[in-house]
Every structure is written in C-alpha cells, then in structure tokens.
Amino acid sequence: MNIQLRTDNNVQHDDSVVRHVEAMVEQHLGRYGEQLTRVEVHVSDTNAGKGGERDKHCVMEARLEGRPPVAASEDAGELALAITGAAKKLRRALGHSLGKLGH
C-alpha cells in the first residue's frame, strides 16, 4: 500500500506528520492492506495559521483494486486529531463499502 501525503502551504510537512499519518493508516486501515493500492492524505490549515477551534482539515482517500475510491474527512483543532479522525471515519466507510460485497 502506497501512502501519499500532501499539505498546503500553512502546514509543515515534517517527519512527525509523516510518522503520524503512517501510524494512523496502519492502525485503522491495515486490515484492508491487500485490497488498498494507495491512500492519499491531504491536510490543510483553513485559517492559515490564525488559530481557531476546528481549523485543521484532513481528507483521506483510499484507492481499492477494482473499486471506486472511498474518502472521509475530519476537522479538528489539532492536526493530529484531524488525521486520526479521518482515519477512523475512512475505516468505517471502507467496512461499509466492502461489507456490501459480502451480501
């Protein structure tokens, strides 16, 4: 599974962000690893560093073999919380999408 991280100009793309994204993808989406070809993670600061309660935004999109992409997003006051929330939502969305195949 390939993980691609993209940040806007207001979010620092450093090793700690990369490690957190990789950890959350593995923790929450690892069980779908064989079916996932790529996970795209887009993080942004909607207030451009001015602060705010829920100004960090994360969108995660999972690319599945032979299936349409599945996406989820989360807004939070901290970047790590937005990443974690998006990963949890994406896990539920994948479970729902792939669960339909079993019926």
PDB file of N, CA and C in Angstrom:
ATOM      1  N   MET A   1       0.856  -1.178   0.000  1.00  0.00           N
ATOM      2  CA  MET A   1       0.000   0.000   0.000  1.00  0.00           C
ATOM      3  C   MET A   1       0.901   1.239   0.000  1.00  0.00           C
ATOM      4  N   ASN A   2       0.593   2.125  -0.886  1.00  0.00           N
ATOM      5  CA  ASN A   2       1.341   3.371  -1.017  1.00  0.00           C
ATOM      6  C   ASN A   2       0.585   4.478  -0.279  1.00  0.00           C
ATOM      7  N   ILE A   3       1.283   5.243   0.550  1.00  0.00           N
ATOM      8  CA  ILE A   3       0.673   6.362   1.269  1.00  0.00           C
ATOM      9  C   ILE A   3       1.260   7.651   0.719  1.00  0.00           C
ATOM     10  N   GLN A   4       0.394   8.532   0.249  1.00  0.00           N
ATOM     11  CA  GLN A   4       0.828   9.832  -0.273  1.00  0.00           C
ATOM     12  C   GLN A   4       0.283  10.923   0.638  1.00  0.00           C
ATOM     13  N   LEU A   5       1.170  11.786   1.109  1.00  0.00           N
ATOM     14  CA  LEU A   5       0.786  12.898   1.977  1.00  0.00           C
ATOM     15  C   LEU A   5       0.993  14.207   1.237  1.00  0.00           C
ATOM     16  N   ARG A   6      -0.055  15.009   1.240  1.00  0.00           N
ATOM     17  CA  ARG A   6       0.028  16.345   0.649  1.00  0.00           C
ATOM     18  C   ARG A   6      -0.417  17.359   1.698  1.00  0.00           C
ATOM     19  N   THR A   7       0.322  18.457   1.790  1.00  0.00           N
ATOM     20  CA  THR A   7      -0.013  19.510   2.743  1.00  0.00           C
ATOM     21  C   THR A   7      -0.154  20.827   2.000  1.00  0.00           C
ATOM     22  N   ASP A   8      -0.922  21.734   2.584  1.00  0.00           N
ATOM     23  CA  ASP A   8      -0.992  23.067   1.990  1.00  0.00           C
ATOM     24  C   ASP A   8       0.196  23.887   2.496  1.00  0.00           C
ATOM     25  N   ASN A   9       0.271  25.127   2.075  1.00  0.00           N
ATOM     26  CA  ASN A   9       1.409  25.985   2.439  1.00  0.00           C
ATOM     27  C   ASN A   9       1.417  26.353   3.917  1.00  0.00           C
ATOM     28  N   ASN A  10       0.320  26.112   4.627  1.00  0.00           N
ATOM     29  CA  ASN A  10       0.226  26.505   6.033  1.00  0.00           C
ATOM     30  C   ASN A  10       0.488  25.363   7.003  1.00  0.00           C
ATOM     31  N   VAL A  11       0.773  24.178   6.482  1.00  0.00           N
ATOM     32  CA  VAL A  11       1.074  23.016   7.318  1.00  0.00           C
ATOM     33  C   VAL A  11       2.482  22.552   7.005  1.00  0.00           C
ATOM     34  N   GLN A  12       3.282  22.420   8.042  1.00  0.00           N
ATOM     35  CA  GLN A  12       4.662  21.987   7.854  1.00  0.00           C
ATOM     36  C   GLN A  12       4.689  20.486   7.593  1.00  0.00           C
ATOM     37  N   HIS A  13       5.277  20.099   6.483  1.00  0.00           N
ATOM     38  CA  HIS A  13       5.395  18.695   6.082  1.00  0.00           C
ATOM     39  C   HIS A  13       6.707  18.157   6.660  1.00  0.00           C
ATOM     40  N   ASP A  14       6.658  17.733   7.935  1.00  0.00           N
ATOM     41  CA  ASP A  14       7.879  17.232   8.564  1.00  0.00           C
ATOM     42  C   ASP A  14       7.725  15.768   8.951  1.00  0.00           C
ATOM     43  N   ASP A  15       8.798  15.190   9.501  1.00  0.00           N
ATOM     44  CA  ASP A  15       8.811  13.766   9.821  1.00  0.00           C
ATOM     45  C   ASP A  15       7.740  13.372  10.831  1.00  0.00           C
ATOM     46  N   SER A  16       7.430  14.245  11.774  1.00  0.00           N
ATOM     47  CA  SER A  16       6.429  13.890  12.784  1.00  0.00           C
ATOM     48  C   SER A  16       5.040  13.737  12.153  1.00  0.00           C
ATOM     49  N   VAL A  17       4.719  14.576  11.190  1.00  0.00           N
ATOM     50  CA  VAL A  17       3.432  14.474  10.498  1.00  0.00           C
ATOM     51  C   VAL A  17       3.409  13.189   9.665  1.00  0.00           C
ATOM     52  N   VAL A  18       4.500  12.912   8.971  1.00  0.00           N
ATOM     53  CA  VAL A  18       4.589  11.706   8.150  1.00  0.00           C
ATOM     54  C   VAL A  18       4.434  10.463   9.020  1.00  0.00           C
ATOM     55  N   ARG A  19       5.133  10.415  10.148  1.00  0.00           N
ATOM     56  CA  ARG A  19       5.048   9.264  11.053  1.00  0.00           C
ATOM     57  C   ARG A  19       3.637   9.077  11.588  1.00  0.00           C
ATOM     58  N   HIS A  20       2.971  10.179  11.955  1.00  0.00           N
ATOM     59  CA  HIS A  20       1.615  10.076  12.486  1.00  0.00           C
ATOM     60  C   HIS A  20       0.649   9.566  11.416  1.00  0.00           C
ATOM     61  N   VAL A  21       0.768  10.083  10.213  1.00  0.00           N
ATOM     62  CA  VAL A  21      -0.086   9.622   9.114  1.00  0.00           C
ATOM     63  C   VAL A  21       0.132   8.132   8.877  1.00  0.00           C
ATOM     64  N   GLU A  22       1.385   7.710   8.792  1.00  0.00           N
ATOM     65  CA  GLU A  22       1.681   6.290   8.552  1.00  0.00           C
ATOM     66  C   GLU A  22       1.142   5.413   9.680  1.00  0.00           C
ATOM     67  N   ALA A  23       1.294   5.859  10.923  1.00  0.00           N
ATOM     68  CA  ALA A  23       0.809   5.086  12.070  1.00  0.00           C
ATOM     69  C   ALA A  23      -0.712   4.965  12.057  1.00  0.00           C
ATOM     70  N   MET A  24      -1.408   6.054  11.759  1.00  0.00           N
ATOM     71  CA  MET A  24      -2.868   6.019  11.753  1.00  0.00           C
ATOM     72  C   MET A  24      -3.409   5.193  10.583  1.00  0.00           C
ATOM     73  N   VAL A  25      -2.775   5.289   9.440  1.00  0.00           N
ATOM     74  CA  VAL A  25      -3.196   4.475   8.298  1.00  0.00           C
ATOM     75  C   VAL A  25      -2.996   3.003   8.626  1.00  0.00           C
ATOM     76  N   GLU A  26      -1.855   2.656   9.182  1.00  0.00           N
ATOM     77  CA  GLU A  26      -1.599   1.262   9.534  1.00  0.00           C
ATOM     78  C   GLU A  26      -2.560   0.778  10.617  1.00  0.00           C
ATOM     79  N   GLN A  27      -2.755   1.581  11.643  1.00  0.00           N
ATOM     80  CA  GLN A  27      -3.616   1.187  12.759  1.00  0.00           C
ATOM     81  C   GLN A  27      -5.070   1.004  12.326  1.00  0.00           C
ATOM     82  N   HIS A  28      -5.584   1.942  11.560  1.00  0.00           N
ATOM     83  CA  HIS A  28      -7.008   1.927  11.235  1.00  0.00           C
ATOM     84  C   HIS A  28      -7.347   1.267   9.898  1.00  0.00           C
ATOM     85  N   LEU A  29      -6.386   1.213   8.970  1.00  0.00           N
ATOM     86  CA  LEU A  29      -6.679   0.674   7.644  1.00  0.00           C
ATOM     87  C   LEU A  29      -5.840  -0.552   7.303  1.00  0.00           C
ATOM     88  N   GLY A  30      -4.965  -0.946   8.207  1.00  0.00           N
ATOM     89  CA  GLY A  30      -4.055  -2.052   7.944  1.00  0.00           C
ATOM     90  C   GLY A  30      -4.751  -3.343   7.556  1.00  0.00           C
ATOM     91  N   ARG A  31      -5.918  -3.599   8.096  1.00  0.00           N
ATOM     92  CA  ARG A  31      -6.622  -4.841   7.785  1.00  0.00           C
ATOM     93  C   ARG A  31      -7.071  -4.905   6.329  1.00  0.00           C
ATOM     94  N   TYR A  32      -7.125  -3.749   5.671  1.00  0.00           N
ATOM     95  CA  TYR A  32      -7.513  -3.704   4.261  1.00  0.00           C
ATOM     96  C   TYR A  32      -6.284  -3.596   3.349  1.00  0.00           C
ATOM     97  N   GLY A  33      -5.107  -3.778   3.906  1.00  0.00           N
ATOM     98  CA  GLY A  33      -3.851  -3.548   3.194  1.00  0.00           C
ATOM     99  C   GLY A  33      -3.741  -4.230   1.853  1.00  0.00           C
ATOM    100  N   GLU A  34      -4.182  -5.479   1.759  1.00  0.00           N
ATOM    101  CA  GLU A  34      -4.065  -6.208   0.497  1.00  0.00           C
ATOM    102  C   GLU A  34      -5.000  -5.660  -0.575  1.00  0.00           C
ATOM    103  N   GLN A  35      -6.096  -5.058  -0.163  1.00  0.00           N
ATOM    104  CA  GLN A  35      -7.071  -4.529  -1.119  1.00  0.00           C
ATOM    105  C   GLN A  35      -6.778  -3.082  -1.507  1.00  0.00           C
ATOM    106  N   LEU A  36      -6.010  -2.370  -0.678  1.00  0.00           N
ATOM    107  CA  LEU A  36      -5.705  -0.966  -0.938  1.00  0.00           C
ATOM    108  C   LEU A  36      -4.465  -0.834  -1.804  1.00  0.00           C
ATOM    109  N   THR A  37      -4.567  -0.061  -2.858  1.00  0.00           N
ATOM    110  CA  THR A  37      -3.389   0.216  -3.673  1.00  0.00           C
ATOM    111  C   THR A  37      -2.712   1.513  -3.227  1.00  0.00           C
ATOM    112  N   ARG A  38      -3.529   2.462  -2.753  1.00  0.00           N
ATOM    113  CA  ARG A  38      -2.971   3.761  -2.366  1.00  0.00           C
ATOM    114  C   ARG A  38      -3.916   4.445  -1.402  1.00  0.00           C
ATOM    115  N   VAL A  39      -3.337   5.186  -0.458  1.00  0.00           N
ATOM    116  CA  VAL A  39      -4.105   6.061   0.426  1.00  0.00           C
ATOM    117  C   VAL A  39      -3.532   7.457   0.249  1.00  0.00           C
ATOM    118  N   GLU A  40      -4.381   8.391  -0.155  1.00  0.00           N
ATOM    119  CA  GLU A  40      -3.965   9.781  -0.311  1.00  0.00           C
ATOM    120  C   GLU A  40      -4.465  10.566   0.888  1.00  0.00           C
ATOM    121  N   VAL A  41      -3.573  11.327   1.502  1.00  0.00           N
ATOM    122  CA  VAL A  41      -3.908  12.111   2.685  1.00  0.00           C
ATOM    123  C   VAL A  41      -3.606  13.572   2.372  1.00  0.00           C
ATOM    124  N   HIS A  42      -4.632  14.412   2.502  1.00  0.00           N
ATOM    125  CA  HIS A  42      -4.487  15.847   2.247  1.00  0.00           C
ATOM    126  C   HIS A  42      -4.778  16.577   3.557  1.00  0.00           C
ATOM    127  N   VAL A  43      -3.808  17.349   4.041  1.00  0.00           N
ATOM    128  CA  VAL A  43      -4.015  18.116   5.273  1.00  0.00           C
ATOM    129  C   VAL A  43      -3.842  19.602   4.978  1.00  0.00           C
ATOM    130  N   SER A  44      -4.654  20.395   5.679  1.00  0.00           N
ATOM    131  CA  SER A  44      -4.595  21.839   5.470  1.00  0.00           C
ATOM    132  C   SER A  44      -4.986  22.563   6.745  1.00  0.00           C
ATOM    133  N   ASP A  45      -4.586  23.825   6.799  1.00  0.00           N
ATOM    134  CA  ASP A  45      -4.960  24.732   7.881  1.00  0.00           C
ATOM    135  C   ASP A  45      -5.870  25.774   7.245  1.00  0.00           C
ATOM    136  N   THR A  46      -7.161  25.665   7.499  1.00  0.00           N
ATOM    137  CA  THR A  46      -8.129  26.508   6.801  1.00  0.00           C
ATOM    138  C   THR A  46      -8.058  27.976   7.189  1.00  0.00           C
ATOM    139  N   ASN A  47      -7.482  28.275   8.363  1.00  0.00           N
ATOM    140  CA  ASN A  47      -7.357  29.669   8.797  1.00  0.00           C
ATOM    141  C   ASN A  47      -5.957  30.234   8.577  1.00  0.00           C
ATOM    142  N   ALA A  48      -5.143  29.500   7.858  1.00  0.00           N
ATOM    143  CA  ALA A  48      -3.794  29.957   7.518  1.00  0.00           C
ATOM    144  C   ALA A  48      -2.987  30.386   8.738  1.00  0.00           C
ATOM    145  N   GLY A  49      -3.030  29.596   9.792  1.00  0.00           N
ATOM    146  CA  GLY A  49      -2.210  29.865  10.964  1.00  0.00           C
ATOM    147  C   GLY A  49      -2.785  30.886  11.924  1.00  0.00           C
ATOM    148  N   LYS A  50      -3.990  31.378  11.688  1.00  0.00           N
ATOM    149  CA  LYS A  50      -4.577  32.394  12.568  1.00  0.00           C
ATOM    150  C   LYS A  50      -5.185  31.790  13.825  1.00  0.00           C
ATOM    151  N   GLY A  51      -5.329  30.484  13.860  1.00  0.00           N
ATOM    152  CA  GLY A  51      -5.931  29.828  15.015  1.00  0.00           C
ATOM    153  C   GLY A  51      -7.417  29.641  14.816  1.00  0.00           C
ATOM    154  N   GLY A  52      -7.978  28.855  15.675  1.00  0.00           N
ATOM    155  CA  GLY A  52      -9.399  28.564  15.594  1.00  0.00           C
ATOM    156  C   GLY A  52      -9.666  27.198  16.174  1.00  0.00           C
ATOM    157  N   GLU A  53     -10.912  26.951  16.527  1.00  0.00           N
ATOM    158  CA  GLU A  53     -11.264  25.697  17.175  1.00  0.00           C
ATOM    159  C   GLU A  53     -11.108  24.491  16.268  1.00  0.00           C
ATOM    160  N   ARG A  54     -11.577  24.570  15.052  1.00  0.00           N
ATOM    161  CA  ARG A  54     -11.562  23.420  14.145  1.00  0.00           C
ATOM    162  C   ARG A  54     -10.985  23.844  12.794  1.00  0.00           C
ATOM    163  N   ASP A  55      -9.780  24.373  12.813  1.00  0.00           N
ATOM    164  CA  ASP A  55      -9.206  24.919  11.585  1.00  0.00           C
ATOM    165  C   ASP A  55      -8.257  23.961  10.862  1.00  0.00           C
ATOM    166  N   LYS A  56      -7.990  22.794  11.429  1.00  0.00           N
ATOM    167  CA  LYS A  56      -7.150  21.802  10.761  1.00  0.00           C
ATOM    168  C   LYS A  56      -8.077  20.823  10.048  1.00  0.00           C
ATOM    169  N   HIS A  57      -7.787  20.577   8.781  1.00  0.00           N
ATOM    170  CA  HIS A  57      -8.660  19.752   7.948  1.00  0.00           C
ATOM    171  C   HIS A  57      -7.839  18.610   7.350  1.00  0.00           C
ATOM    172  N   CYS A  58      -8.383  17.396   7.383  1.00  0.00           N
ATOM    173  CA  CYS A  58      -7.733  16.233   6.785  1.00  0.00           C
ATOM    174  C   CYS A  58      -8.749  15.465   5.949  1.00  0.00           C
ATOM    175  N   VAL A  59      -8.355  15.157   4.741  1.00  0.00           N
ATOM    176  CA  VAL A  59      -9.153  14.299   3.858  1.00  0.00           C
ATOM    177  C   VAL A  59      -8.294  13.095   3.524  1.00  0.00           C
ATOM    178  N   MET A  60      -8.861  11.895   3.707  1.00  0.00           N
ATOM    179  CA  MET A  60      -8.182  10.659   3.331  1.00  0.00           C
ATOM    180  C   MET A  60      -9.008   9.972   2.263  1.00  0.00           C
ATOM    181  N   GLU A  61      -8.319   9.528   1.232  1.00  0.00           N
ATOM    182  CA  GLU A  61      -8.978   8.816   0.149  1.00  0.00           C
ATOM    183  C   GLU A  61      -8.267   7.489  -0.061  1.00  0.00           C
ATOM    184  N   ALA A  62      -9.017   6.403   0.002  1.00  0.00           N
ATOM    185  CA  ALA A  62      -8.468   5.063  -0.194  1.00  0.00           C
ATOM    186  C   ALA A  62      -8.787   4.595  -1.609  1.00  0.00           C
ATOM    187  N   ARG A  63      -7.767   4.117  -2.290  1.00  0.00           N
ATOM    188  CA  ARG A  63      -7.936   3.566  -3.636  1.00  0.00           C
ATOM    189  C   ARG A  63      -7.905   2.049  -3.514  1.00  0.00           C
ATOM    190  N   LEU A  64      -9.009   1.430  -3.907  1.00  0.00           N
ATOM    191  CA  LEU A  64      -9.155  -0.018  -3.825  1.00  0.00           C
ATOM    192  C   LEU A  64      -8.998  -0.640  -5.197  1.00  0.00           C
ATOM    193  N   GLU A  65      -8.439  -1.836  -5.235  1.00  0.00           N
ATOM    194  CA  GLU A  65      -8.302  -2.540  -6.503  1.00  0.00           C
ATOM    195  C   GLU A  65      -9.682  -2.843  -7.082  1.00  0.00           C
ATOM    196  N   GLY A  66      -9.944  -2.353  -8.280  1.00  0.00           N
ATOM    197  CA  GLY A  66     -11.172  -2.660  -8.976  1.00  0.00           C
ATOM    198  C   GLY A  66     -12.440  -2.026  -8.414  1.00  0.00           C
ATOM    199  N   ARG A  67     -12.302  -1.054  -7.535  1.00  0.00           N
ATOM    200  CA  ARG A  67     -13.462  -0.406  -6.906  1.00  0.00           C
ATOM    201  C   ARG A  67     -13.264   1.109  -6.971  1.00  0.00           C
ATOM    202  N   PRO A  68     -14.355   1.865  -6.858  1.00  0.00           N
ATOM    203  CA  PRO A  68     -14.211   3.321  -6.810  1.00  0.00           C
ATOM    204  C   PRO A  68     -13.524   3.747  -5.507  1.00  0.00           C
ATOM    205  N   PRO A  69     -12.868   4.899  -5.498  1.00  0.00           N
ATOM    206  CA  PRO A  69     -12.221   5.380  -4.276  1.00  0.00           C
ATOM    207  C   PRO A  69     -13.247   5.672  -3.182  1.00  0.00           C
ATOM    208  N   VAL A  70     -12.787   5.553  -1.944  1.00  0.00           N
ATOM    209  CA  VAL A  70     -13.614   5.858  -0.772  1.00  0.00           C
ATOM    210  C   VAL A  70     -12.892   6.945  -0.001  1.00  0.00           C
ATOM    211  N   ALA A  71     -13.613   7.994   0.423  1.00  0.00           N
ATOM    212  CA  ALA A  71     -12.973   9.120   1.108  1.00  0.00           C
ATOM    213  C   ALA A  71     -13.703   9.460   2.401  1.00  0.00           C
ATOM    214  N   ALA A  72     -12.954  10.092   3.309  1.00  0.00           N
ATOM    215  CA  ALA A  72     -13.513  10.587   4.564  1.00  0.00           C
ATOM    216  C   ALA A  72     -12.702  11.808   4.975  1.00  0.00           C
ATOM    217  N   SER A  73     -13.341  12.693   5.749  1.00  0.00           N
ATOM    218  CA  SER A  73     -12.632  13.897   6.196  1.00  0.00           C
ATOM    219  C   SER A  73     -12.959  14.194   7.648  1.00  0.00           C
ATOM    220  N   GLU A  74     -12.100  15.013   8.244  1.00  0.00           N
ATOM    221  CA  GLU A  74     -12.286  15.415   9.642  1.00  0.00           C
ATOM    222  C   GLU A  74     -11.694  16.808   9.838  1.00  0.00           C
ATOM    223  N   ASP A  75     -12.373  17.619  10.633  1.00  0.00           N
ATOM    224  CA  ASP A  75     -11.879  18.926  11.052  1.00  0.00           C
ATOM    225  C   ASP A  75     -11.629  18.870  12.551  1.00  0.00           C
ATOM    226  N   ALA A  76     -10.527  19.473  12.993  1.00  0.00           N
ATOM    227  CA  ALA A  76     -10.196  19.467  14.420  1.00  0.00           C
ATOM    228  C   ALA A  76      -9.321  20.666  14.731  1.00  0.00           C
ATOM    229  N   GLY A  77      -9.115  20.896  15.999  1.00  0.00           N
ATOM    230  CA  GLY A  77      -8.269  21.998  16.440  1.00  0.00           C
ATOM    231  C   GLY A  77      -6.783  21.696  16.347  1.00  0.00           C
ATOM    232  N   GLU A  78      -6.442  20.410  16.259  1.00  0.00           N
ATOM    233  CA  GLU A  78      -5.049  19.988  16.133  1.00  0.00           C
ATOM    234  C   GLU A  78      -4.918  19.080  14.925  1.00  0.00           C
ATOM    235  N   LEU A  79      -3.792  19.164  14.252  1.00  0.00           N
ATOM    236  CA  LEU A  79      -3.565  18.381  13.046  1.00  0.00           C
ATOM    237  C   LEU A  79      -3.630  16.883  13.342  1.00  0.00           C
ATOM    238  N   ALA A  80      -3.025  16.452  14.427  1.00  0.00           N
ATOM    239  CA  ALA A  80      -3.021  15.027  14.764  1.00  0.00           C
ATOM    240  C   ALA A  80      -4.440  14.495  14.968  1.00  0.00           C
ATOM    241  N   LEU A  81      -5.290  15.284  15.591  1.00  0.00           N
ATOM    242  CA  LEU A  81      -6.679  14.865  15.811  1.00  0.00           C
ATOM    243  C   LEU A  81      -7.455  14.788  14.505  1.00  0.00           C
ATOM    244  N   ALA A  82      -7.187  15.691  13.593  1.00  0.00           N
ATOM    245  CA  ALA A  82      -7.856  15.661  12.292  1.00  0.00           C
ATOM    246  C   ALA A  82      -7.435  14.417  11.508  1.00  0.00           C
ATOM    247  N   ILE A  83      -6.161  14.070  11.557  1.00  0.00           N
ATOM    248  CA  ILE A  83      -5.652  12.886  10.862  1.00  0.00           C
ATOM    249  C   ILE A  83      -6.260  11.620  11.460  1.00  0.00           C
ATOM    250  N   THR A  84      -6.251  11.528  12.784  1.00  0.00           N
ATOM    251  CA  THR A  84      -6.810  10.357  13.457  1.00  0.00           C
ATOM    252  C   THR A  84      -8.299  10.213  13.169  1.00  0.00           C
ATOM    253  N   GLY A  85      -9.035  11.312  13.253  1.00  0.00           N
ATOM    254  CA  GLY A  85     -10.468  11.274  12.988  1.00  0.00           C
ATOM    255  C   GLY A  85     -10.785  10.848  11.570  1.00  0.00           C
ATOM    256  N   ALA A  86     -10.028  11.342  10.601  1.00  0.00           N
ATOM    257  CA  ALA A  86     -10.260  10.966   9.203  1.00  0.00           C
ATOM    258  C   ALA A  86      -9.965   9.482   8.987  1.00  0.00           C
ATOM    259  N   ALA A  87      -8.921   8.977   9.640  1.00  0.00           N
ATOM    260  CA  ALA A  87      -8.578   7.556   9.510  1.00  0.00           C
ATOM    261  C   ALA A  87      -9.684   6.675  10.083  1.00  0.00           C
ATOM    262  N   LYS A  88     -10.245   7.072  11.220  1.00  0.00           N
ATOM    263  CA  LYS A  88     -11.337   6.304  11.830  1.00  0.00           C
ATOM    264  C   LYS A  88     -12.577   6.314  10.931  1.00  0.00           C
ATOM    265  N   LYS A  89     -12.901   7.470  10.396  1.00  0.00           N
ATOM    266  CA  LYS A  89     -14.062   7.572   9.507  1.00  0.00           C
ATOM    267  C   LYS A  89     -13.859   6.763   8.233  1.00  0.00           C
ATOM    268  N   LEU A  90     -12.637   6.781   7.707  1.00  0.00           N
ATOM    269  CA  LEU A  90     -12.344   6.023   6.497  1.00  0.00           C
ATOM    270  C   LEU A  90     -12.442   4.521   6.763  1.00  0.00           C
ATOM    271  N   ARG A  91     -12.002   4.080   7.934  1.00  0.00           N
ATOM    272  CA  ARG A  91     -12.129   2.664   8.302  1.00  0.00           C
ATOM    273  C   ARG A  91     -13.605   2.242   8.268  1.00  0.00           C
ATOM    274  N   ARG A  92     -14.471   3.072   8.856  1.00  0.00           N
ATOM    275  CA  ARG A  92     -15.907   2.754   8.848  1.00  0.00           C
ATOM    276  C   ARG A  92     -16.460   2.749   7.427  1.00  0.00           C
ATOM    277  N   ALA A  93     -16.058   3.727   6.630  1.00  0.00           N
ATOM    278  CA  ALA A  93     -16.550   3.811   5.256  1.00  0.00           C
ATOM    279  C   ALA A  93     -16.088   2.606   4.429  1.00  0.00           C
ATOM    280  N   LEU A  94     -14.845   2.188   4.613  1.00  0.00           N
ATOM    281  CA  LEU A  94     -14.351   1.015   3.895  1.00  0.00           C
ATOM    282  C   LEU A  94     -15.082  -0.243   4.340  1.00  0.00           C
ATOM    283  N   GLY A  95     -15.307  -0.370   5.640  1.00  0.00           N
ATOM    284  CA  GLY A  95     -16.037  -1.517   6.155  1.00  0.00           C
ATOM    285  C   GLY A  95     -17.431  -1.586   5.565  1.00  0.00           C
ATOM    286  N   HIS A  96     -18.071  -0.442   5.464  1.00  0.00           N
ATOM    287  CA  HIS A  96     -19.412  -0.384   4.882  1.00  0.00           C
ATOM    288  C   HIS A  96     -19.371  -0.727   3.389  1.00  0.00           C
ATOM    289  N   SER A  97     -18.432  -0.134   2.671  1.00  0.00           N
ATOM    290  CA  SER A  97     -18.325  -0.343   1.229  1.00  0.00           C
ATOM    291  C   SER A  97     -17.967  -1.790   0.900  1.00  0.00           C
ATOM    292  N   LEU A  98     -16.999  -2.325   1.596  1.00  0.00           N
ATOM    293  CA  LEU A  98     -16.574  -3.693   1.319  1.00  0.00           C
ATOM    294  C   LEU A  98     -17.551  -4.703   1.898  1.00  0.00           C
ATOM    295  N   GLY A  99     -18.258  -4.336   2.945  1.00  0.00           N
ATOM    296  CA  GLY A  99     -19.261  -5.221   3.532  1.00  0.00           C
ATOM    297  C   GLY A  99     -20.399  -5.489   2.576  1.00  0.00           C
ATOM    298  N   LYS A 100     -20.711  -4.510   1.729  1.00  0.00           N
ATOM    299  CA  LYS A 100     -21.768  -4.694   0.737  1.00  0.00           C
ATOM    300  C   LYS A 100     -21.429  -5.801  -0.253  1.00  0.00           C
ATOM    301  N   LEU A 101     -20.125  -5.998  -0.485  1.00  0.00           N
ATOM    302  CA  LEU A 101     -19.708  -7.033  -1.431  1.00  0.00           C
ATOM    303  C   LEU A 101     -20.017  -8.428  -0.906  1.00  0.00           C
ATOM    304  N   GLY A 102     -20.051  -8.566   0.419  1.00  0.00           N
ATOM    305  CA  GLY A 102     -20.298  -9.874   1.008  1.00  0.00           C
ATOM    306  C   GLY A 102     -21.746 -10.294   0.969  1.00  0.00           C
ATOM    307  N   HIS A 103     -22.654  -9.365   0.675  1.00  0.00           N
ATOM    308  CA  HIS A 103     -24.089  -9.687   0.685  1.00  0.00           C
ATOM    309  C   HIS A 103     -24.600 -10.008  -0.684  1.00  0.00           C
TER     310      HIS A 103
END
